[in-house]
């Protein structure tokens, strides 16, 4: 994961800096006002808390269980 801070006079300029350097897939993970403007903290390849591999694995197991149940019960 690549994390970087950006400083600019306003939010519009800060967002442009983020897009220019990290691209459109960057996630803003923090912002605050500072003297003379704003500070943005942005990350590339960011996975929010609770959306990691364990959550994805749970969804996969749930779908597999639903498929098994549908197979046993058959069409309505």
C-alpha atoms as a PDB file:
ATOM      1  CA  UNK A   1       0.000   0.000   0.000  1.00  0.00           C
ATOM      2  CA  UNK A   2       1.306   3.409  -0.939  1.00  0.00           C
ATOM      3  CA  UNK A   3       0.326   6.259   1.447  1.00  0.00           C
ATOM      4  CA  UNK A   4       1.143   9.908   0.849  1.00  0.00           C
ATOM      5  CA  UNK A   5       0.208  13.336   2.243  1.00  0.00           C
ATOM      6  CA  UNK A   6      -0.722  16.231  -0.016  1.00  0.00           C
ATOM      7  CA  UNK A   7      -0.853  19.934   0.851  1.00  0.00           C
ATOM      8  CA  UNK A   8      -2.760  22.545  -1.161  1.00  0.00           C
ATOM      9  CA  UNK A   9      -4.558  25.870  -0.812  1.00  0.00           C
ATOM     10  CA  UNK A  10      -8.009  24.267  -1.185  1.00  0.00           C
ATOM     11  CA  UNK A  11      -9.689  20.873  -1.503  1.00  0.00           C
ATOM     12  CA  UNK A  12     -10.077  21.074  -5.273  1.00  0.00           C
ATOM     13  CA  UNK A  13      -6.330  21.568  -5.776  1.00  0.00           C
ATOM     14  CA  UNK A  14      -5.502  18.856  -3.241  1.00  0.00           C
ATOM     15  CA  UNK A  15      -7.758  16.344  -5.025  1.00  0.00           C
ATOM     16  CA  UNK A  16      -6.094  17.199  -8.340  1.00  0.00           C
ATOM     17  CA  UNK A  17      -2.675  16.534  -6.800  1.00  0.00           C
ATOM     18  CA  UNK A  18      -3.880  13.145  -5.522  1.00  0.00           C
ATOM     19  CA  UNK A  19      -5.313  12.147  -8.919  1.00  0.00           C
ATOM     20  CA  UNK A  20      -2.218  13.324 -10.782  1.00  0.00           C
ATOM     21  CA  UNK A  21       0.162  11.396  -8.531  1.00  0.00           C
ATOM     22  CA  UNK A  22      -1.769   8.320  -7.384  1.00  0.00           C
ATOM     23  CA  UNK A  23      -4.495   8.059 -10.012  1.00  0.00           C
ATOM     24  CA  UNK A  24      -8.271   7.806  -9.906  1.00  0.00           C
ATOM     25  CA  UNK A  25      -8.210   4.649  -7.737  1.00  0.00           C
ATOM     26  CA  UNK A  26      -6.644   6.439  -4.762  1.00  0.00           C
ATOM     27  CA  UNK A  27      -8.633   6.496  -1.513  1.00  0.00           C
ATOM     28  CA  UNK A  28      -8.704   9.558   0.738  1.00  0.00           C
ATOM     29  CA  UNK A  29      -8.057   8.236   4.236  1.00  0.00           C
ATOM     30  CA  UNK A  30      -7.713  11.552   6.043  1.00  0.00           C
ATOM     31  CA  UNK A  31      -8.157  15.293   5.643  1.00  0.00           C
ATOM     32  CA  UNK A  32      -7.775  18.370   7.801  1.00  0.00           C
ATOM     33  CA  UNK A  33      -7.479  22.118   7.615  1.00  0.00           C
ATOM     34  CA  UNK A  34      -4.049  23.562   8.169  1.00  0.00           C
ATOM     35  CA  UNK A  35      -2.707  27.080   8.135  1.00  0.00           C
ATOM     36  CA  UNK A  36      -2.856  28.160   4.527  1.00  0.00           C
ATOM     37  CA  UNK A  37      -5.042  25.333   3.193  1.00  0.00           C
ATOM     38  CA  UNK A  38      -5.741  21.635   3.537  1.00  0.00           C
ATOM     39  CA  UNK A  39      -3.834  18.426   4.070  1.00  0.00           C
ATOM     40  CA  UNK A  40      -5.050  15.181   2.473  1.00  0.00           C
ATOM     41  CA  UNK A  41      -3.739  11.732   3.253  1.00  0.00           C
ATOM     42  CA  UNK A  42      -4.360   9.337   0.385  1.00  0.00           C
ATOM     43  CA  UNK A  43      -3.585   5.677  -0.216  1.00  0.00           C
ATOM     44  CA  UNK A  44      -3.364   3.425  -3.224  1.00  0.00           C
ATOM     45  CA  UNK A  45      -4.463  -0.222  -2.841  1.00  0.00           C
ATOM     46  CA  UNK A  46      -6.330   0.642   0.372  1.00  0.00           C
ATOM     47  CA  UNK A  47      -8.637  -1.954   1.968  1.00  0.00           C
ATOM     48  CA  UNK A  48     -10.988  -0.457   4.562  1.00  0.00           C
ATOM     49  CA  UNK A  49     -11.247  -2.154   7.961  1.00  0.00           C
ATOM     50  CA  UNK A  50     -13.774  -4.978   7.939  1.00  0.00           C
ATOM     51  CA  UNK A  51     -13.426  -5.628   4.210  1.00  0.00           C
ATOM     52  CA  UNK A  52     -10.333  -7.816   4.392  1.00  0.00           C
ATOM     53  CA  UNK A  53      -9.798 -11.453   3.408  1.00  0.00           C
ATOM     54  CA  UNK A  54     -11.654 -12.855   6.437  1.00  0.00           C
ATOM     55  CA  UNK A  55     -14.845 -11.085   5.382  1.00  0.00           C
ATOM     56  CA  UNK A  56     -14.470 -12.251   1.787  1.00  0.00           C
ATOM     57  CA  UNK A  57     -13.905 -15.832   2.994  1.00  0.00           C
ATOM     58  CA  UNK A  58     -17.086 -15.653   5.093  1.00  0.00           C
ATOM     59  CA  UNK A  59     -19.075 -14.592   2.025  1.00  0.00           C
ATOM     60  CA  UNK A  60     -17.628 -17.482   0.010  1.00  0.00           C
ATOM     61  CA  UNK A  61     -18.577 -20.015   2.699  1.00  0.00           C
ATOM     62  CA  UNK A  62     -22.070 -18.551   2.957  1.00  0.00           C
ATOM     63  CA  UNK A  63     -22.636 -18.818  -0.808  1.00  0.00           C
ATOM     64  CA  UNK A  64     -21.390 -22.426  -0.768  1.00  0.00           C
ATOM     65  CA  UNK A  65     -23.826 -23.290   2.040  1.00  0.00           C
ATOM     66  CA  UNK A  66     -26.696 -21.638   0.154  1.00  0.00           C
ATOM     67  CA  UNK A  67     -25.784 -23.593  -2.987  1.00  0.00           C
ATOM     68  CA  UNK A  68     -25.766 -26.883  -1.031  1.00  0.00           C
ATOM     69  CA  UNK A  69     -29.138 -26.076   0.524  1.00  0.00           C
ATOM     70  CA  UNK A  70     -30.646 -25.181  -2.859  1.00  0.00           C
ATOM     71  CA  UNK A  71     -29.324 -28.457  -4.276  1.00  0.00           C
ATOM     72  CA  UNK A  72     -30.899 -30.507  -1.442  1.00  0.00           C
ATOM     73  CA  UNK A  73     -34.235 -28.711  -1.491  1.00  0.00           C
ATOM     74  CA  UNK A  74     -34.476 -28.389  -5.239  1.00  0.00           C
ATOM     75  CA  UNK A  75     -36.563 -25.864  -7.186  1.00  0.00           C
ATOM     76  CA  UNK A  76     -39.719 -24.537  -5.454  1.00  0.00           C
END
